[in-house]
Amino acid sequence: MIDGVVHRPLRIIPDSRGPILHMLRNDSGGFAGFGEAYFTCIEPGAVKAWRKHTRMTMQLAVPRGLVEVVLFDARPGSASNGTLETYTLGAEQPDSYALLIIPPGIWNGFRGLSGTTSIIANCASLPHDPDEAERLDPDNPAIPHTWPPA
């Protein structure tokens, strides 16, 4: 596993009017604080990659759809430097509904796996700062992952 990444199953509480999907509590293990909450959408087959936050911890869940999340640790001195991990997140498959906590310095990318638009919720530890993140193209050879064609 990548050092500092947390993957924890989340509860879905059935309700005939629509389910309740838990995400994060401030007393949850690994909670990194609250800076802002936002949602990003990803279309079927689309790729959003690569991004690395320098200070922000991402606290993610996918309450709608299904998303492949790929992580790569390129942090110098990290015990897991060079490790690539893939997670499938989403309430579309109840066994895949989980919280994924990604510490600063981890490259991350997303691919929409659902047949409809997926929604990724991020309870970020810091408010958005466009100068706080680094970006690479999805096909950058610095990250040993190849995205399938859309």
N, C-alpha and C. Protein backbone atom coordinates (compact mmCIF):
# COMPACT_ATOMS: atom_id res chain seq x y z
N MET A 1 0.83 -1.20 0.00
CA MET A 1 0.00 0.00 0.00
C MET A 1 0.87 1.25 0.00
N ILE A 2 0.32 2.31 -0.56
CA ILE A 2 1.02 3.59 -0.54
C ILE A 2 0.93 4.16 0.87
N ASP A 3 2.08 4.54 1.40
CA ASP A 3 2.18 5.07 2.74
C ASP A 3 1.29 6.30 2.91
N GLY A 4 0.42 6.27 3.90
CA GLY A 4 -0.46 7.40 4.21
C GLY A 4 -1.82 7.36 3.55
N VAL A 5 -2.02 6.49 2.56
CA VAL A 5 -3.33 6.37 1.90
C VAL A 5 -4.23 5.50 2.78
N VAL A 6 -5.46 5.94 2.94
CA VAL A 6 -6.45 5.19 3.72
C VAL A 6 -7.61 4.84 2.80
N HIS A 7 -8.01 3.58 2.82
CA HIS A 7 -9.19 3.11 2.06
C HIS A 7 -10.09 2.42 3.06
N ARG A 8 -11.29 2.98 3.26
CA ARG A 8 -12.20 2.45 4.27
C ARG A 8 -13.61 2.32 3.70
N PRO A 9 -14.20 1.12 3.79
CA PRO A 9 -15.59 0.97 3.34
C PRO A 9 -16.52 1.94 4.07
N LEU A 10 -17.53 2.40 3.36
CA LEU A 10 -18.53 3.31 3.93
C LEU A 10 -19.89 2.64 3.97
N ARG A 11 -20.73 3.14 4.86
CA ARG A 11 -22.07 2.59 5.01
C ARG A 11 -23.04 3.22 4.03
N ILE A 12 -23.87 2.36 3.48
CA ILE A 12 -25.04 2.79 2.71
C ILE A 12 -26.24 2.27 3.49
N ILE A 13 -27.09 3.19 3.92
CA ILE A 13 -28.27 2.82 4.69
C ILE A 13 -29.47 2.82 3.75
N PRO A 14 -30.04 1.63 3.51
CA PRO A 14 -31.19 1.57 2.60
C PRO A 14 -32.38 2.34 3.15
N ASP A 15 -33.12 2.95 2.26
CA ASP A 15 -34.35 3.66 2.61
C ASP A 15 -35.22 3.61 1.36
N SER A 16 -36.47 3.27 1.52
CA SER A 16 -37.36 3.13 0.36
C SER A 16 -37.49 4.43 -0.43
N ARG A 17 -37.19 5.56 0.19
CA ARG A 17 -37.28 6.87 -0.49
C ARG A 17 -35.96 7.27 -1.14
N GLY A 18 -34.92 6.48 -0.89
CA GLY A 18 -33.57 6.76 -1.39
C GLY A 18 -32.57 6.52 -0.28
N PRO A 19 -31.43 5.93 -0.60
CA PRO A 19 -30.47 5.55 0.44
C PRO A 19 -29.76 6.75 1.07
N ILE A 20 -29.20 6.51 2.25
CA ILE A 20 -28.35 7.47 2.95
C ILE A 20 -26.93 6.95 2.78
N LEU A 21 -26.03 7.80 2.27
CA LEU A 21 -24.65 7.41 2.04
C LEU A 21 -23.74 8.18 2.99
N HIS A 22 -23.11 7.47 3.90
CA HIS A 22 -22.15 8.11 4.80
C HIS A 22 -20.89 8.47 4.02
N MET A 23 -20.16 9.49 4.52
CA MET A 23 -18.89 9.83 3.88
C MET A 23 -17.79 10.04 4.91
N LEU A 24 -17.93 11.02 5.79
CA LEU A 24 -16.82 11.41 6.66
C LEU A 24 -17.33 12.08 7.91
N ARG A 25 -16.68 11.76 9.01
CA ARG A 25 -16.96 12.42 10.29
C ARG A 25 -15.64 12.97 10.83
N ASN A 26 -15.73 14.02 11.63
CA ASN A 26 -14.49 14.60 12.16
C ASN A 26 -13.84 13.71 13.22
N ASP A 27 -14.53 12.66 13.66
CA ASP A 27 -13.92 11.72 14.60
C ASP A 27 -13.53 10.41 13.91
N SER A 28 -13.56 10.40 12.58
CA SER A 28 -13.11 9.24 11.81
C SER A 28 -11.59 9.17 11.82
N GLY A 29 -11.04 7.97 11.88
CA GLY A 29 -9.60 7.81 11.80
C GLY A 29 -9.09 8.33 10.46
N GLY A 30 -8.04 9.11 10.49
CA GLY A 30 -7.46 9.64 9.26
C GLY A 30 -8.04 10.98 8.83
N PHE A 31 -9.07 11.50 9.53
CA PHE A 31 -9.67 12.78 9.15
C PHE A 31 -8.58 13.84 9.14
N ALA A 32 -8.45 14.54 8.02
CA ALA A 32 -7.35 15.49 7.82
C ALA A 32 -7.78 16.94 7.99
N GLY A 33 -9.01 17.18 8.42
CA GLY A 33 -9.49 18.54 8.59
C GLY A 33 -10.39 18.96 7.44
N PHE A 34 -11.00 20.12 7.61
CA PHE A 34 -11.93 20.62 6.61
C PHE A 34 -11.46 21.97 6.09
N GLY A 35 -11.29 22.05 4.76
CA GLY A 35 -10.99 23.31 4.11
C GLY A 35 -12.15 23.72 3.22
N GLU A 36 -12.67 22.75 2.46
CA GLU A 36 -13.85 22.96 1.63
C GLU A 36 -14.33 21.60 1.14
N ALA A 37 -15.60 21.56 0.77
CA ALA A 37 -16.17 20.37 0.13
C ALA A 37 -16.57 20.76 -1.28
N TYR A 38 -16.25 19.88 -2.23
CA TYR A 38 -16.68 20.14 -3.60
C TYR A 38 -16.92 18.81 -4.30
N PHE A 39 -17.59 18.90 -5.44
CA PHE A 39 -17.92 17.74 -6.25
C PHE A 39 -17.37 17.96 -7.65
N THR A 40 -16.84 16.90 -8.23
CA THR A 40 -16.42 16.94 -9.62
C THR A 40 -17.13 15.80 -10.34
N CYS A 41 -17.53 16.06 -11.55
CA CYS A 41 -18.23 15.05 -12.34
C CYS A 41 -17.26 14.48 -13.37
N ILE A 42 -17.47 13.23 -13.72
CA ILE A 42 -16.65 12.59 -14.75
C ILE A 42 -17.55 11.75 -15.64
N GLU A 43 -17.41 11.94 -16.92
CA GLU A 43 -18.26 11.26 -17.90
C GLU A 43 -17.76 9.82 -18.14
N PRO A 44 -18.61 8.95 -18.64
CA PRO A 44 -18.21 7.57 -18.92
C PRO A 44 -16.97 7.52 -19.82
N GLY A 45 -15.97 6.79 -19.40
CA GLY A 45 -14.75 6.62 -20.18
C GLY A 45 -13.78 7.78 -20.14
N ALA A 46 -14.19 8.93 -19.60
CA ALA A 46 -13.32 10.11 -19.54
C ALA A 46 -12.22 9.91 -18.50
N VAL A 47 -11.08 10.56 -18.74
CA VAL A 47 -9.95 10.50 -17.82
C VAL A 47 -9.63 11.91 -17.35
N LYS A 48 -9.46 12.07 -16.05
CA LYS A 48 -8.97 13.31 -15.46
C LYS A 48 -7.68 12.95 -14.73
N ALA A 49 -6.54 13.28 -15.34
CA ALA A 49 -5.25 12.92 -14.76
C ALA A 49 -4.19 13.84 -15.36
N TRP A 50 -3.14 13.96 -14.72
CA TRP A 50 -2.67 13.64 -13.41
C TRP A 50 -2.61 14.91 -12.59
N ARG A 51 -2.81 14.77 -11.28
CA ARG A 51 -2.74 15.92 -10.38
C ARG A 51 -2.09 15.45 -9.08
N LYS A 52 -1.31 16.36 -8.51
CA LYS A 52 -0.66 16.10 -7.22
C LYS A 52 -0.77 17.36 -6.38
N HIS A 53 -1.35 17.23 -5.21
CA HIS A 53 -1.43 18.37 -4.29
C HIS A 53 -0.18 18.42 -3.43
N THR A 54 0.29 19.63 -3.16
CA THR A 54 1.52 19.78 -2.38
C THR A 54 1.25 19.91 -0.89
N ARG A 55 0.04 20.39 -0.51
CA ARG A 55 -0.30 20.56 0.91
C ARG A 55 -1.65 19.94 1.27
N MET A 56 -2.55 19.84 0.31
CA MET A 56 -3.91 19.38 0.57
C MET A 56 -3.99 17.87 0.68
N THR A 57 -4.80 17.40 1.64
CA THR A 57 -5.19 16.00 1.71
C THR A 57 -6.58 15.90 1.09
N MET A 58 -6.75 14.94 0.18
CA MET A 58 -8.05 14.70 -0.46
C MET A 58 -8.76 13.59 0.33
N GLN A 59 -10.04 13.79 0.60
CA GLN A 59 -10.86 12.82 1.30
C GLN A 59 -12.06 12.55 0.40
N LEU A 60 -12.00 11.46 -0.39
CA LEU A 60 -12.90 11.22 -1.50
C LEU A 60 -13.91 10.12 -1.25
N ALA A 61 -15.08 10.29 -1.85
CA ALA A 61 -16.09 9.23 -1.96
C ALA A 61 -16.83 9.48 -3.27
N VAL A 62 -17.43 8.42 -3.82
CA VAL A 62 -18.17 8.53 -5.07
C VAL A 62 -19.62 8.11 -4.79
N PRO A 63 -20.50 9.10 -4.48
CA PRO A 63 -21.88 8.77 -4.14
C PRO A 63 -22.75 8.44 -5.34
N ARG A 64 -22.28 8.75 -6.54
CA ARG A 64 -23.05 8.43 -7.75
C ARG A 64 -22.10 7.91 -8.83
N GLY A 65 -22.39 6.73 -9.34
CA GLY A 65 -21.60 6.17 -10.41
C GLY A 65 -20.49 5.27 -9.91
N LEU A 66 -19.46 5.12 -10.75
CA LEU A 66 -18.32 4.24 -10.46
C LEU A 66 -17.09 4.85 -11.12
N VAL A 67 -16.00 4.94 -10.36
CA VAL A 67 -14.80 5.63 -10.83
C VAL A 67 -13.56 4.79 -10.50
N GLU A 68 -12.65 4.70 -11.46
CA GLU A 68 -11.33 4.13 -11.20
C GLU A 68 -10.43 5.26 -10.73
N VAL A 69 -9.77 5.05 -9.59
CA VAL A 69 -8.83 6.03 -9.05
C VAL A 69 -7.45 5.37 -9.07
N VAL A 70 -6.51 6.02 -9.73
CA VAL A 70 -5.15 5.51 -9.81
C VAL A 70 -4.24 6.47 -9.05
N LEU A 71 -3.41 5.89 -8.18
CA LEU A 71 -2.48 6.67 -7.35
C LEU A 71 -1.05 6.23 -7.65
N PHE A 72 -0.14 7.21 -7.64
CA PHE A 72 1.27 6.90 -7.83
C PHE A 72 2.08 7.72 -6.84
N ASP A 73 2.94 7.02 -6.08
CA ASP A 73 3.77 7.68 -5.08
C ASP A 73 5.14 7.97 -5.67
N ALA A 74 5.41 9.26 -5.89
CA ALA A 74 6.72 9.68 -6.38
C ALA A 74 7.42 10.55 -5.34
N ARG A 75 6.98 10.43 -4.07
CA ARG A 75 7.57 11.24 -3.01
C ARG A 75 8.97 10.75 -2.68
N PRO A 76 9.97 11.62 -2.79
CA PRO A 76 11.33 11.22 -2.42
C PRO A 76 11.36 10.80 -0.94
N GLY A 77 12.02 9.69 -0.66
CA GLY A 77 12.15 9.24 0.72
C GLY A 77 10.96 8.48 1.27
N SER A 78 9.87 8.39 0.51
CA SER A 78 8.70 7.65 0.97
C SER A 78 9.00 6.16 0.95
N ALA A 79 8.50 5.44 1.96
CA ALA A 79 8.68 3.98 2.01
C ALA A 79 8.01 3.30 0.83
N SER A 80 7.02 3.96 0.23
CA SER A 80 6.29 3.36 -0.90
C SER A 80 6.59 4.07 -2.22
N ASN A 81 7.69 4.80 -2.28
CA ASN A 81 8.07 5.50 -3.51
C ASN A 81 8.10 4.51 -4.68
N GLY A 82 7.46 4.90 -5.79
CA GLY A 82 7.40 4.05 -6.98
C GLY A 82 6.21 3.11 -7.02
N THR A 83 5.38 3.14 -5.98
CA THR A 83 4.21 2.25 -5.92
C THR A 83 3.03 2.86 -6.66
N LEU A 84 2.36 2.04 -7.44
CA LEU A 84 1.14 2.41 -8.17
C LEU A 84 0.00 1.58 -7.60
N GLU A 85 -1.12 2.21 -7.30
CA GLU A 85 -2.31 1.51 -6.78
C GLU A 85 -3.54 1.97 -7.54
N THR A 86 -4.49 1.04 -7.70
CA THR A 86 -5.74 1.34 -8.36
C THR A 86 -6.89 0.95 -7.44
N TYR A 87 -7.87 1.84 -7.34
CA TYR A 87 -9.08 1.60 -6.54
C TYR A 87 -10.30 1.82 -7.42
N THR A 88 -11.35 1.07 -7.16
CA THR A 88 -12.64 1.32 -7.78
C THR A 88 -13.56 1.83 -6.68
N LEU A 89 -14.09 3.03 -6.89
CA LEU A 89 -14.96 3.66 -5.89
C LEU A 89 -16.31 3.95 -6.51
N GLY A 90 -17.38 3.72 -5.74
CA GLY A 90 -18.68 4.14 -6.20
C GLY A 90 -19.83 3.42 -5.56
N ALA A 91 -20.90 4.17 -5.34
CA ALA A 91 -22.11 3.62 -4.76
C ALA A 91 -22.87 2.75 -5.75
N GLU A 92 -22.50 2.81 -7.03
CA GLU A 92 -23.14 1.97 -8.04
C GLU A 92 -22.93 0.49 -7.72
N GLN A 93 -21.79 0.18 -7.11
CA GLN A 93 -21.50 -1.17 -6.61
C GLN A 93 -21.29 -1.03 -5.11
N PRO A 94 -22.28 -1.42 -4.30
CA PRO A 94 -22.18 -1.19 -2.85
C PRO A 94 -20.87 -1.65 -2.21
N ASP A 95 -20.25 -2.71 -2.72
CA ASP A 95 -18.97 -3.15 -2.16
C ASP A 95 -17.83 -2.18 -2.48
N SER A 96 -18.06 -1.27 -3.41
CA SER A 96 -17.03 -0.31 -3.81
C SER A 96 -17.26 1.07 -3.20
N TYR A 97 -18.32 1.22 -2.40
CA TYR A 97 -18.55 2.53 -1.78
C TYR A 97 -17.61 2.66 -0.59
N ALA A 98 -16.65 3.57 -0.70
CA ALA A 98 -15.60 3.70 0.30
C ALA A 98 -15.07 5.12 0.35
N LEU A 99 -14.39 5.41 1.44
CA LEU A 99 -13.66 6.66 1.60
C LEU A 99 -12.22 6.39 1.21
N LEU A 100 -11.65 7.28 0.40
CA LEU A 100 -10.24 7.18 0.03
C LEU A 100 -9.57 8.48 0.45
N ILE A 101 -8.61 8.37 1.36
CA ILE A 101 -7.88 9.54 1.84
C ILE A 101 -6.50 9.52 1.18
N ILE A 102 -6.21 10.60 0.45
CA ILE A 102 -4.96 10.70 -0.32
C ILE A 102 -4.14 11.87 0.25
N PRO A 103 -2.99 11.56 0.86
CA PRO A 103 -2.19 12.63 1.43
C PRO A 103 -1.50 13.46 0.35
N PRO A 104 -0.95 14.61 0.73
CA PRO A 104 -0.22 15.44 -0.23
C PRO A 104 0.95 14.66 -0.84
N GLY A 105 1.27 15.01 -2.09
CA GLY A 105 2.43 14.44 -2.75
C GLY A 105 2.17 13.19 -3.57
N ILE A 106 0.93 12.71 -3.58
CA ILE A 106 0.57 11.50 -4.33
C ILE A 106 -0.08 11.93 -5.65
N TRP A 107 0.46 11.46 -6.77
CA TRP A 107 -0.18 11.71 -8.06
C TRP A 107 -1.48 10.92 -8.12
N ASN A 108 -2.54 11.53 -8.63
CA ASN A 108 -3.83 10.84 -8.73
C ASN A 108 -4.50 11.17 -10.05
N GLY A 109 -5.28 10.18 -10.51
CA GLY A 109 -6.06 10.35 -11.73
C GLY A 109 -7.34 9.54 -11.62
N PHE A 110 -8.35 9.94 -12.39
CA PHE A 110 -9.67 9.31 -12.35
C PHE A 110 -10.11 8.92 -13.75
N ARG A 111 -10.88 7.83 -13.81
CA ARG A 111 -11.52 7.42 -15.06
C ARG A 111 -12.95 7.01 -14.75
N GLY A 112 -13.90 7.54 -15.51
CA GLY A 112 -15.31 7.20 -15.34
C GLY A 112 -15.58 5.79 -15.82
N LEU A 113 -16.11 4.93 -14.94
CA LEU A 113 -16.41 3.54 -15.28
C LEU A 113 -17.90 3.28 -15.47
N SER A 114 -18.72 4.19 -15.03
CA SER A 114 -20.16 4.01 -15.07
C SER A 114 -20.70 4.31 -16.46
N GLY A 115 -21.93 3.86 -16.73
CA GLY A 115 -22.59 4.17 -17.98
C GLY A 115 -23.18 5.56 -18.01
N THR A 116 -23.14 6.25 -16.87
CA THR A 116 -23.65 7.63 -16.77
C THR A 116 -22.59 8.48 -16.05
N THR A 117 -22.86 9.77 -15.94
CA THR A 117 -21.95 10.67 -15.24
C THR A 117 -21.78 10.24 -13.80
N SER A 118 -20.53 10.16 -13.35
CA SER A 118 -20.22 9.85 -11.95
C SER A 118 -19.89 11.15 -11.23
N ILE A 119 -20.13 11.15 -9.92
CA ILE A 119 -19.84 12.31 -9.09
C ILE A 119 -18.83 11.90 -8.02
N ILE A 120 -17.73 12.65 -7.96
CA ILE A 120 -16.71 12.45 -6.94
C ILE A 120 -16.85 13.58 -5.92
N ALA A 121 -17.02 13.23 -4.64
CA ALA A 121 -17.08 14.21 -3.57
C ALA A 121 -15.71 14.28 -2.90
N ASN A 122 -15.22 15.50 -2.68
CA ASN A 122 -13.96 15.70 -1.99
C ASN A 122 -14.17 16.63 -0.82
N CYS A 123 -13.90 16.13 0.38
CA CYS A 123 -13.87 16.97 1.57
C CYS A 123 -12.39 17.30 1.78
N ALA A 124 -11.95 18.34 1.11
CA ALA A 124 -10.53 18.70 1.08
C ALA A 124 -10.09 19.33 2.40
N SER A 125 -8.85 19.07 2.78
CA SER A 125 -8.33 19.59 4.04
C SER A 125 -8.03 21.08 3.99
N LEU A 126 -7.93 21.64 2.79
CA LEU A 126 -7.64 23.06 2.59
C LEU A 126 -8.58 23.65 1.56
N PRO A 127 -8.86 24.96 1.62
CA PRO A 127 -9.61 25.59 0.54
C PRO A 127 -8.80 25.52 -0.76
N HIS A 128 -9.51 25.52 -1.89
CA HIS A 128 -8.86 25.43 -3.20
C HIS A 128 -7.86 26.56 -3.39
N ASP A 129 -6.69 26.22 -3.88
CA ASP A 129 -5.64 27.18 -4.23
C ASP A 129 -5.02 26.66 -5.52
N PRO A 130 -5.23 27.35 -6.65
CA PRO A 130 -4.74 26.84 -7.93
C PRO A 130 -3.22 26.68 -7.99
N ASP A 131 -2.48 27.38 -7.12
CA ASP A 131 -1.03 27.28 -7.12
C ASP A 131 -0.52 26.13 -6.24
N GLU A 132 -1.43 25.42 -5.59
CA GLU A 132 -1.06 24.38 -4.63
C GLU A 132 -0.95 23.01 -5.29
N ALA A 133 -1.38 22.86 -6.52
CA ALA A 133 -1.37 21.56 -7.19
C ALA A 133 -0.46 21.59 -8.42
N GLU A 134 0.12 20.43 -8.71
CA GLU A 134 0.90 20.25 -9.94
C GLU A 134 0.10 19.34 -10.86
N ARG A 135 0.31 19.48 -12.17
CA ARG A 135 -0.43 18.69 -13.16
C ARG A 135 0.51 18.09 -14.19
N LEU A 136 0.12 16.91 -14.67
CA LEU A 136 0.79 16.25 -15.80
C LEU A 136 -0.28 15.76 -16.76
N ASP A 137 0.08 15.60 -18.02
CA ASP A 137 -0.83 15.03 -19.01
C ASP A 137 -1.11 13.57 -18.68
N PRO A 138 -2.27 13.05 -19.06
CA PRO A 138 -2.61 11.65 -18.76
C PRO A 138 -1.62 10.63 -19.29
N ASP A 139 -0.92 10.95 -20.38
CA ASP A 139 0.01 9.98 -20.97
C ASP A 139 1.47 10.28 -20.63
N ASN A 140 1.71 11.04 -19.57
CA ASN A 140 3.08 11.38 -19.20
C ASN A 140 3.83 10.13 -18.75
N PRO A 141 5.00 9.84 -19.33
CA PRO A 141 5.73 8.61 -19.00
C PRO A 141 6.32 8.59 -17.59
N ALA A 142 6.27 9.70 -16.87
CA ALA A 142 6.78 9.72 -15.50
C ALA A 142 5.92 8.85 -14.58
N ILE A 143 4.68 8.58 -14.99
CA ILE A 143 3.78 7.74 -14.20
C ILE A 143 3.55 6.45 -14.98
N PRO A 144 3.89 5.30 -14.38
CA PRO A 144 3.82 4.02 -15.10
C PRO A 144 2.41 3.44 -15.18
N HIS A 145 1.54 4.17 -15.85
CA HIS A 145 0.16 3.72 -16.01
C HIS A 145 -0.33 4.15 -17.39
N THR A 146 -1.03 3.27 -18.07
CA THR A 146 -1.61 3.59 -19.37
C THR A 146 -3.13 3.53 -19.25
N TRP A 147 -3.77 4.65 -19.55
CA TRP A 147 -5.23 4.70 -19.53
C TRP A 147 -5.78 4.05 -20.79
N PRO A 148 -6.85 3.25 -20.67
CA PRO A 148 -7.44 2.69 -21.89
C PRO A 148 -8.05 3.79 -22.75
N PRO A 149 -8.16 3.57 -24.05
CA PRO A 149 -8.79 4.58 -24.90
C PRO A 149 -10.26 4.78 -24.50
N ALA A 150 -10.71 6.01 -24.64
CA ALA A 150 -12.11 6.34 -24.26
C ALA A 150 -13.09 5.71 -25.24
